[in-house]
């Protein structure tokens, strides 16, 4: 978890930005509640925060990934949970 963001292949690093931009096209309300299921180290949340979204909640199976994500301080709340 500690090196997840840096270990990803460079082409993947644009994926969270593309995801955030896709949401921005259909959800202009920056105060909308957004659930990031499978939040991991909150890379999508960082991209959403860059666009001005401020009410993001994340869920991920890995508490270690969430600990990395919490340090970035872009989510309203992060929860450990199984999505099955």
PDB file of N, CA and C in Angstrom:
ATOM      1  N   UNK A   1       0.817  -1.200   0.000  1.00  0.00           N
ATOM      2  CA  UNK A   1       0.000   0.000   0.000  1.00  0.00           C
ATOM      3  C   UNK A   1       0.861   1.264   0.000  1.00  0.00           C
ATOM      4  N   UNK A   2       1.960   1.225   0.719  1.00  0.00           N
ATOM      5  CA  UNK A   2       2.800   2.415   0.851  1.00  0.00           C
ATOM      6  C   UNK A   2       3.423   2.856  -0.469  1.00  0.00           C
ATOM      7  N   UNK A   3       3.635   1.926  -1.388  1.00  0.00           N
ATOM      8  CA  UNK A   3       4.267   2.264  -2.669  1.00  0.00           C
ATOM      9  C   UNK A   3       3.323   2.063  -3.858  1.00  0.00           C
ATOM     10  N   UNK A   4       2.058   1.834  -3.593  1.00  0.00           N
ATOM     11  CA  UNK A   4       1.088   1.549  -4.649  1.00  0.00           C
ATOM     12  C   UNK A   4       1.063   2.640  -5.717  1.00  0.00           C
ATOM     13  N   UNK A   5       0.940   3.878  -5.323  1.00  0.00           N
ATOM     14  CA  UNK A   5       0.835   4.976  -6.292  1.00  0.00           C
ATOM     15  C   UNK A   5       2.069   5.074  -7.178  1.00  0.00           C
ATOM     16  N   UNK A   6       3.231   4.889  -6.616  1.00  0.00           N
ATOM     17  CA  UNK A   6       4.463   5.017  -7.400  1.00  0.00           C
ATOM     18  C   UNK A   6       4.763   3.768  -8.210  1.00  0.00           C
ATOM     19  N   UNK A   7       4.232   2.620  -7.817  1.00  0.00           N
ATOM     20  CA  UNK A   7       4.466   1.374  -8.549  1.00  0.00           C
ATOM     21  C   UNK A   7       3.574   1.206  -9.780  1.00  0.00           C
ATOM     22  N   UNK A   8       2.527   1.989  -9.888  1.00  0.00           N
ATOM     23  CA  UNK A   8       1.632   1.853 -11.037  1.00  0.00           C
ATOM     24  C   UNK A   8       2.333   2.276 -12.316  1.00  0.00           C
ATOM     25  N   UNK A   9       1.956   1.615 -13.392  1.00  0.00           N
ATOM     26  CA  UNK A   9       2.487   2.009 -14.693  1.00  0.00           C
ATOM     27  C   UNK A   9       2.027   3.421 -15.020  1.00  0.00           C
ATOM     28  N   UNK A  10       2.866   4.167 -15.680  1.00  0.00           N
ATOM     29  CA  UNK A  10       2.561   5.560 -16.020  1.00  0.00           C
ATOM     30  C   UNK A  10       1.238   5.709 -16.776  1.00  0.00           C
ATOM     31  N   UNK A  11       0.925   4.831 -17.750  1.00  0.00           N
ATOM     32  CA  UNK A  11      -0.367   5.002 -18.447  1.00  0.00           C
ATOM     33  C   UNK A  11      -1.582   4.946 -17.515  1.00  0.00           C
ATOM     34  N   UNK A  12      -1.486   4.201 -16.410  1.00  0.00           N
ATOM     35  CA  UNK A  12      -2.615   4.113 -15.491  1.00  0.00           C
ATOM     36  C   UNK A  12      -2.830   5.400 -14.715  1.00  0.00           C
ATOM     37  N   UNK A  13      -1.803   6.168 -14.514  1.00  0.00           N
ATOM     38  CA  UNK A  13      -1.922   7.390 -13.712  1.00  0.00           C
ATOM     39  C   UNK A  13      -2.916   8.387 -14.304  1.00  0.00           C
ATOM     40  N   UNK A  14      -3.183   8.315 -15.603  1.00  0.00           N
ATOM     41  CA  UNK A  14      -4.154   9.227 -16.202  1.00  0.00           C
ATOM     42  C   UNK A  14      -5.582   8.723 -16.023  1.00  0.00           C
ATOM     43  N   UNK A  15      -5.758   7.445 -15.684  1.00  0.00           N
ATOM     44  CA  UNK A  15      -7.096   6.870 -15.546  1.00  0.00           C
ATOM     45  C   UNK A  15      -7.955   7.567 -14.490  1.00  0.00           C
ATOM     46  N   UNK A  16      -7.453   7.842 -13.286  1.00  0.00           N
ATOM     47  CA  UNK A  16      -8.271   8.564 -12.307  1.00  0.00           C
ATOM     48  C   UNK A  16      -8.682   9.957 -12.800  1.00  0.00           C
ATOM     49  N   UNK A  17      -7.811  10.618 -13.518  1.00  0.00           N
ATOM     50  CA  UNK A  17      -8.133  11.946 -14.058  1.00  0.00           C
ATOM     51  C   UNK A  17      -9.230  11.829 -15.104  1.00  0.00           C
ATOM     52  N   UNK A  18      -9.138  10.820 -15.979  1.00  0.00           N
ATOM     53  CA  UNK A  18     -10.180  10.611 -16.984  1.00  0.00           C
ATOM     54  C   UNK A  18     -11.522  10.280 -16.321  1.00  0.00           C
ATOM     55  N   UNK A  19     -11.474   9.478 -15.258  1.00  0.00           N
ATOM     56  CA  UNK A  19     -12.701   9.135 -14.533  1.00  0.00           C
ATOM     57  C   UNK A  19     -13.334  10.373 -13.914  1.00  0.00           C
ATOM     58  N   UNK A  20     -12.524  11.201 -13.287  1.00  0.00           N
ATOM     59  CA  UNK A  20     -13.034  12.431 -12.671  1.00  0.00           C
ATOM     60  C   UNK A  20     -13.610  13.369 -13.722  1.00  0.00           C
ATOM     61  N   UNK A  21     -12.941  13.499 -14.840  1.00  0.00           N
ATOM     62  CA  UNK A  21     -13.446  14.360 -15.916  1.00  0.00           C
ATOM     63  C   UNK A  21     -14.751  13.845 -16.492  1.00  0.00           C
ATOM     64  N   UNK A  22     -14.898  12.520 -16.584  1.00  0.00           N
ATOM     65  CA  UNK A  22     -16.151  11.935 -17.076  1.00  0.00           C
ATOM     66  C   UNK A  22     -17.299  12.259 -16.126  1.00  0.00           C
ATOM     67  N   UNK A  23     -17.047  12.187 -14.822  1.00  0.00           N
ATOM     68  CA  UNK A  23     -18.084  12.526 -13.847  1.00  0.00           C
ATOM     69  C   UNK A  23     -18.434  14.004 -13.925  1.00  0.00           C
ATOM     70  N   UNK A  24     -17.426  14.842 -14.069  1.00  0.00           N
ATOM     71  CA  UNK A  24     -17.643  16.289 -14.145  1.00  0.00           C
ATOM     72  C   UNK A  24     -18.588  16.649 -15.297  1.00  0.00           C
ATOM     73  N   UNK A  25     -18.526  15.909 -16.396  1.00  0.00           N
ATOM     74  CA  UNK A  25     -19.388  16.189 -17.558  1.00  0.00           C
ATOM     75  C   UNK A  25     -20.860  15.938 -17.261  1.00  0.00           C
ATOM     76  N   UNK A  26     -21.153  15.016 -16.348  1.00  0.00           N
ATOM     77  CA  UNK A  26     -22.547  14.680 -16.059  1.00  0.00           C
ATOM     78  C   UNK A  26     -23.004  15.127 -14.671  1.00  0.00           C
ATOM     79  N   UNK A  27     -22.072  15.559 -13.830  1.00  0.00           N
ATOM     80  CA  UNK A  27     -22.414  15.983 -12.469  1.00  0.00           C
ATOM     81  C   UNK A  27     -21.696  17.287 -12.140  1.00  0.00           C
ATOM     82  N   UNK A  28     -22.257  18.401 -12.569  1.00  0.00           N
ATOM     83  CA  UNK A  28     -21.596  19.681 -12.315  1.00  0.00           C
ATOM     84  C   UNK A  28     -21.690  20.161 -10.862  1.00  0.00           C
ATOM     85  N   UNK A  29     -22.598  19.578 -10.065  1.00  0.00           N
ATOM     86  CA  UNK A  29     -22.791  19.988  -8.667  1.00  0.00           C
ATOM     87  C   UNK A  29     -21.597  19.537  -7.826  1.00  0.00           C
ATOM     88  N   UNK A  30     -20.720  20.448  -7.479  1.00  0.00           N
ATOM     89  CA  UNK A  30     -19.501  20.129  -6.730  1.00  0.00           C
ATOM     90  C   UNK A  30     -19.779  19.717  -5.286  1.00  0.00           C
ATOM     91  N   UNK A  31     -21.004  19.954  -4.791  1.00  0.00           N
ATOM     92  CA  UNK A  31     -21.366  19.568  -3.428  1.00  0.00           C
ATOM     93  C   UNK A  31     -22.085  18.226  -3.364  1.00  0.00           C
ATOM     94  N   UNK A  32     -22.262  17.575  -4.506  1.00  0.00           N
ATOM     95  CA  UNK A  32     -22.944  16.278  -4.531  1.00  0.00           C
ATOM     96  C   UNK A  32     -22.150  15.260  -3.720  1.00  0.00           C
ATOM     97  N   UNK A  33     -22.865  14.331  -3.096  1.00  0.00           N
ATOM     98  CA  UNK A  33     -22.209  13.259  -2.352  1.00  0.00           C
ATOM     99  C   UNK A  33     -21.754  12.201  -3.361  1.00  0.00           C
ATOM    100  N   UNK A  34     -20.476  11.876  -3.321  1.00  0.00           N
ATOM    101  CA  UNK A  34     -19.899  10.900  -4.243  1.00  0.00           C
ATOM    102  C   UNK A  34     -19.353   9.735  -3.429  1.00  0.00           C
ATOM    103  N   UNK A  35     -19.721   8.509  -3.808  1.00  0.00           N
ATOM    104  CA  UNK A  35     -19.187   7.314  -3.172  1.00  0.00           C
ATOM    105  C   UNK A  35     -18.158   6.699  -4.103  1.00  0.00           C
ATOM    106  N   UNK A  36     -16.945   6.578  -3.626  1.00  0.00           N
ATOM    107  CA  UNK A  36     -15.866   5.919  -4.352  1.00  0.00           C
ATOM    108  C   UNK A  36     -15.735   4.504  -3.794  1.00  0.00           C
ATOM    109  N   UNK A  37     -16.338   3.538  -4.486  1.00  0.00           N
ATOM    110  CA  UNK A  37     -16.289   2.138  -4.063  1.00  0.00           C
ATOM    111  C   UNK A  37     -15.023   1.503  -4.622  1.00  0.00           C
ATOM    112  N   UNK A  38     -14.168   1.031  -3.742  1.00  0.00           N
ATOM    113  CA  UNK A  38     -12.857   0.546  -4.152  1.00  0.00           C
ATOM    114  C   UNK A  38     -11.871   1.695  -4.191  1.00  0.00           C
ATOM    115  N   UNK A  39     -11.929   2.536  -3.172  1.00  0.00           N
ATOM    116  CA  UNK A  39     -11.182   3.798  -3.144  1.00  0.00           C
ATOM    117  C   UNK A  39      -9.671   3.633  -3.140  1.00  0.00           C
ATOM    118  N   UNK A  40      -9.176   2.536  -2.586  1.00  0.00           N
ATOM    119  CA  UNK A  40      -7.730   2.311  -2.558  1.00  0.00           C
ATOM    120  C   UNK A  40      -6.981   3.455  -1.914  1.00  0.00           C
ATOM    121  N   UNK A  41      -6.005   3.986  -2.624  1.00  0.00           N
ATOM    122  CA  UNK A  41      -5.204   5.097  -2.098  1.00  0.00           C
ATOM    123  C   UNK A  41      -5.771   6.446  -2.520  1.00  0.00           C
ATOM    124  N   UNK A  42      -7.008   6.479  -2.897  1.00  0.00           N
ATOM    125  CA  UNK A  42      -7.827   7.655  -3.224  1.00  0.00           C
ATOM    126  C   UNK A  42      -7.307   8.485  -4.406  1.00  0.00           C
ATOM    127  N   UNK A  43      -6.755   7.819  -5.392  1.00  0.00           N
ATOM    128  CA  UNK A  43      -6.275   8.549  -6.566  1.00  0.00           C
ATOM    129  C   UNK A  43      -7.422   9.233  -7.317  1.00  0.00           C
ATOM    130  N   UNK A  44      -8.576   8.564  -7.410  1.00  0.00           N
ATOM    131  CA  UNK A  44      -9.733   9.194  -8.058  1.00  0.00           C
ATOM    132  C   UNK A  44     -10.199  10.381  -7.232  1.00  0.00           C
ATOM    133  N   UNK A  45     -10.202  10.232  -5.930  1.00  0.00           N
ATOM    134  CA  UNK A  45     -10.590  11.334  -5.052  1.00  0.00           C
ATOM    135  C   UNK A  45      -9.700  12.548  -5.203  1.00  0.00           C
ATOM    136  N   UNK A  46      -8.420  12.319  -5.382  1.00  0.00           N
ATOM    137  CA  UNK A  46      -7.505  13.445  -5.611  1.00  0.00           C
ATOM    138  C   UNK A  46      -7.880  14.184  -6.887  1.00  0.00           C
ATOM    139  N   UNK A  47      -8.190  13.428  -7.933  1.00  0.00           N
ATOM    140  CA  UNK A  47      -8.576  14.052  -9.201  1.00  0.00           C
ATOM    141  C   UNK A  47      -9.905  14.790  -9.063  1.00  0.00           C
ATOM    142  N   UNK A  48     -10.850  14.208  -8.314  1.00  0.00           N
ATOM    143  CA  UNK A  48     -12.132  14.882  -8.084  1.00  0.00           C
ATOM    144  C   UNK A  48     -11.935  16.160  -7.270  1.00  0.00           C
ATOM    145  N   UNK A  49     -11.084  16.109  -6.265  1.00  0.00           N
ATOM    146  CA  UNK A  49     -10.813  17.294  -5.450  1.00  0.00           C
ATOM    147  C   UNK A  49     -10.188  18.403  -6.297  1.00  0.00           C
ATOM    148  N   UNK A  50      -9.337  18.036  -7.223  1.00  0.00           N
ATOM    149  CA  UNK A  50      -8.729  19.027  -8.120  1.00  0.00           C
ATOM    150  C   UNK A  50      -9.796  19.753  -8.943  1.00  0.00           C
ATOM    151  N   UNK A  51     -10.906  19.053  -9.213  1.00  0.00           N
ATOM    152  CA  UNK A  51     -12.011  19.659  -9.967  1.00  0.00           C
ATOM    153  C   UNK A  51     -12.976  20.417  -9.062  1.00  0.00           C
ATOM    154  N   UNK A  52     -12.752  20.363  -7.756  1.00  0.00           N
ATOM    155  CA  UNK A  52     -13.582  21.126  -6.831  1.00  0.00           C
ATOM    156  C   UNK A  52     -14.626  20.330  -6.083  1.00  0.00           C
ATOM    157  N   UNK A  53     -14.698  19.014  -6.284  1.00  0.00           N
ATOM    158  CA  UNK A  53     -15.653  18.202  -5.529  1.00  0.00           C
ATOM    159  C   UNK A  53     -15.165  18.104  -4.087  1.00  0.00           C
ATOM    160  N   UNK A  54     -16.101  18.205  -3.142  1.00  0.00           N
ATOM    161  CA  UNK A  54     -15.687  18.291  -1.746  1.00  0.00           C
ATOM    162  C   UNK A  54     -16.455  17.392  -0.793  1.00  0.00           C
ATOM    163  N   UNK A  55     -17.282  16.497  -1.331  1.00  0.00           N
ATOM    164  CA  UNK A  55     -18.087  15.626  -0.477  1.00  0.00           C
ATOM    165  C   UNK A  55     -17.941  14.183  -0.963  1.00  0.00           C
ATOM    166  N   UNK A  56     -16.735  13.641  -0.809  1.00  0.00           N
ATOM    167  CA  UNK A  56     -16.415  12.322  -1.334  1.00  0.00           C
ATOM    168  C   UNK A  56     -16.237  11.352  -0.176  1.00  0.00           C
ATOM    169  N   UNK A  57     -16.891  10.206  -0.288  1.00  0.00           N
ATOM    170  CA  UNK A  57     -16.800   9.140   0.707  1.00  0.00           C
ATOM    171  C   UNK A  57     -16.203   7.924   0.011  1.00  0.00           C
ATOM    172  N   UNK A  58     -15.272   7.268   0.662  1.00  0.00           N
ATOM    173  CA  UNK A  58     -14.626   6.108   0.059  1.00  0.00           C
ATOM    174  C   UNK A  58     -14.782   4.858   0.890  1.00  0.00           C
ATOM    175  N   UNK A  59     -14.819   3.720   0.185  1.00  0.00           N
ATOM    176  CA  UNK A  59     -14.857   2.404   0.817  1.00  0.00           C
ATOM    177  C   UNK A  59     -13.823   1.535   0.118  1.00  0.00           C
ATOM    178  N   UNK A  60     -13.057   0.777   0.893  1.00  0.00           N
ATOM    179  CA  UNK A  60     -12.098  -0.158   0.313  1.00  0.00           C
ATOM    180  C   UNK A  60     -11.905  -1.329   1.258  1.00  0.00           C
ATOM    181  N   UNK A  61     -11.531  -2.465   0.712  1.00  0.00           N
ATOM    182  CA  UNK A  61     -11.299  -3.669   1.503  1.00  0.00           C
ATOM    183  C   UNK A  61     -10.025  -3.561   2.338  1.00  0.00           C
ATOM    184  N   UNK A  62      -9.031  -2.880   1.813  1.00  0.00           N
ATOM    185  CA  UNK A  62      -7.711  -2.835   2.444  1.00  0.00           C
ATOM    186  C   UNK A  62      -7.551  -1.631   3.371  1.00  0.00           C
ATOM    187  N   UNK A  63      -7.433  -1.901   4.649  1.00  0.00           N
ATOM    188  CA  UNK A  63      -7.211  -0.834   5.623  1.00  0.00           C
ATOM    189  C   UNK A  63      -5.867  -0.146   5.372  1.00  0.00           C
ATOM    190  N   UNK A  64      -4.877  -0.897   4.890  1.00  0.00           N
ATOM    191  CA  UNK A  64      -3.574  -0.313   4.607  1.00  0.00           C
ATOM    192  C   UNK A  64      -3.665   0.707   3.470  1.00  0.00           C
ATOM    193  N   UNK A  65      -4.446   0.402   2.439  1.00  0.00           N
ATOM    194  CA  UNK A  65      -4.633   1.352   1.341  1.00  0.00           C
ATOM    195  C   UNK A  65      -5.352   2.596   1.854  1.00  0.00           C
ATOM    196  N   UNK A  66      -6.342   2.397   2.697  1.00  0.00           N
ATOM    197  CA  UNK A  66      -7.086   3.531   3.234  1.00  0.00           C
ATOM    198  C   UNK A  66      -6.213   4.422   4.112  1.00  0.00           C
ATOM    199  N   UNK A  67      -5.272   3.820   4.835  1.00  0.00           N
ATOM    200  CA  UNK A  67      -4.362   4.620   5.662  1.00  0.00           C
ATOM    201  C   UNK A  67      -3.531   5.554   4.783  1.00  0.00           C
ATOM    202  N   UNK A  68      -3.092   5.062   3.634  1.00  0.00           N
ATOM    203  CA  UNK A  68      -2.373   5.919   2.688  1.00  0.00           C
ATOM    204  C   UNK A  68      -3.308   7.024   2.200  1.00  0.00           C
ATOM    205  N   UNK A  69      -4.535   6.653   1.879  1.00  0.00           N
ATOM    206  CA  UNK A  69      -5.514   7.618   1.387  1.00  0.00           C
ATOM    207  C   UNK A  69      -5.882   8.685   2.403  1.00  0.00           C
ATOM    208  N   UNK A  70      -5.982   8.306   3.661  1.00  0.00           N
ATOM    209  CA  UNK A  70      -6.337   9.278   4.709  1.00  0.00           C
ATOM    210  C   UNK A  70      -5.327  10.426   4.791  1.00  0.00           C
ATOM    211  N   UNK A  71      -4.087  10.124   4.540  1.00  0.00           N
ATOM    212  CA  UNK A  71      -3.041  11.151   4.609  1.00  0.00           C
ATOM    213  C   UNK A  71      -3.222  12.226   3.542  1.00  0.00           C
ATOM    214  N   UNK A  72      -3.948  11.923   2.485  1.00  0.00           N
ATOM    215  CA  UNK A  72      -4.153  12.881   1.401  1.00  0.00           C
ATOM    216  C   UNK A  72      -5.270  13.875   1.715  1.00  0.00           C
ATOM    217  N   UNK A  73      -6.114  13.562   2.671  1.00  0.00           N
ATOM    218  CA  UNK A  73      -7.149  14.461   3.190  1.00  0.00           C
ATOM    219  C   UNK A  73      -8.051  15.061   2.105  1.00  0.00           C
ATOM    220  N   UNK A  74      -8.561  14.229   1.215  1.00  0.00           N
ATOM    221  CA  UNK A  74      -9.494  14.724   0.197  1.00  0.00           C
ATOM    222  C   UNK A  74     -10.890  14.116   0.331  1.00  0.00           C
ATOM    223  N   UNK A  75     -11.078  13.174   1.247  1.00  0.00           N
ATOM    224  CA  UNK A  75     -12.374  12.520   1.417  1.00  0.00           C
ATOM    225  C   UNK A  75     -13.042  13.001   2.700  1.00  0.00           C
ATOM    226  N   UNK A  76     -14.349  13.049   2.668  1.00  0.00           N
ATOM    227  CA  UNK A  76     -15.122  13.371   3.866  1.00  0.00           C
ATOM    228  C   UNK A  76     -14.992  12.237   4.877  1.00  0.00           C
ATOM    229  N   UNK A  77     -15.003  10.984   4.368  1.00  0.00           N
ATOM    230  CA  UNK A  77     -14.878   9.810   5.224  1.00  0.00           C
ATOM    231  C   UNK A  77     -14.340   8.653   4.403  1.00  0.00           C
ATOM    232  N   UNK A  78     -13.598   7.781   5.062  1.00  0.00           N
ATOM    233  CA  UNK A  78     -13.097   6.551   4.443  1.00  0.00           C
ATOM    234  C   UNK A  78     -13.449   5.379   5.356  1.00  0.00           C
ATOM    235  N   UNK A  79     -13.998   4.325   4.774  1.00  0.00           N
ATOM    236  CA  UNK A  79     -14.420   3.163   5.548  1.00  0.00           C
ATOM    237  C   UNK A  79     -13.814   1.895   4.974  1.00  0.00           C
ATOM    238  N   UNK A  80     -13.454   0.983   5.856  1.00  0.00           N
ATOM    239  CA  UNK A  80     -13.005  -0.336   5.436  1.00  0.00           C
ATOM    240  C   UNK A  80     -14.243  -1.200   5.290  1.00  0.00           C
ATOM    241  N   UNK A  81     -14.350  -1.912   4.176  1.00  0.00           N
ATOM    242  CA  UNK A  81     -15.494  -2.787   3.981  1.00  0.00           C
ATOM    243  C   UNK A  81     -15.314  -3.683   2.773  1.00  0.00           C
ATOM    244  N   UNK A  82     -16.033  -4.781   2.784  1.00  0.00           N
ATOM    245  CA  UNK A  82     -16.038  -5.752   1.697  1.00  0.00           C
ATOM    246  C   UNK A  82     -17.174  -5.406   0.747  1.00  0.00           C
ATOM    247  N   UNK A  83     -16.888  -5.247  -0.517  1.00  0.00           N
ATOM    248  CA  UNK A  83     -17.903  -4.845  -1.492  1.00  0.00           C
ATOM    249  C   UNK A  83     -18.695  -6.022  -2.072  1.00  0.00           C
ATOM    250  N   UNK A  84     -18.398  -7.215  -1.643  1.00  0.00           N
ATOM    251  CA  UNK A  84     -19.137  -8.382  -2.145  1.00  0.00           C
ATOM    252  C   UNK A  84     -20.525  -8.431  -1.585  1.00  0.00           C
TER     253      UNK A  84
END
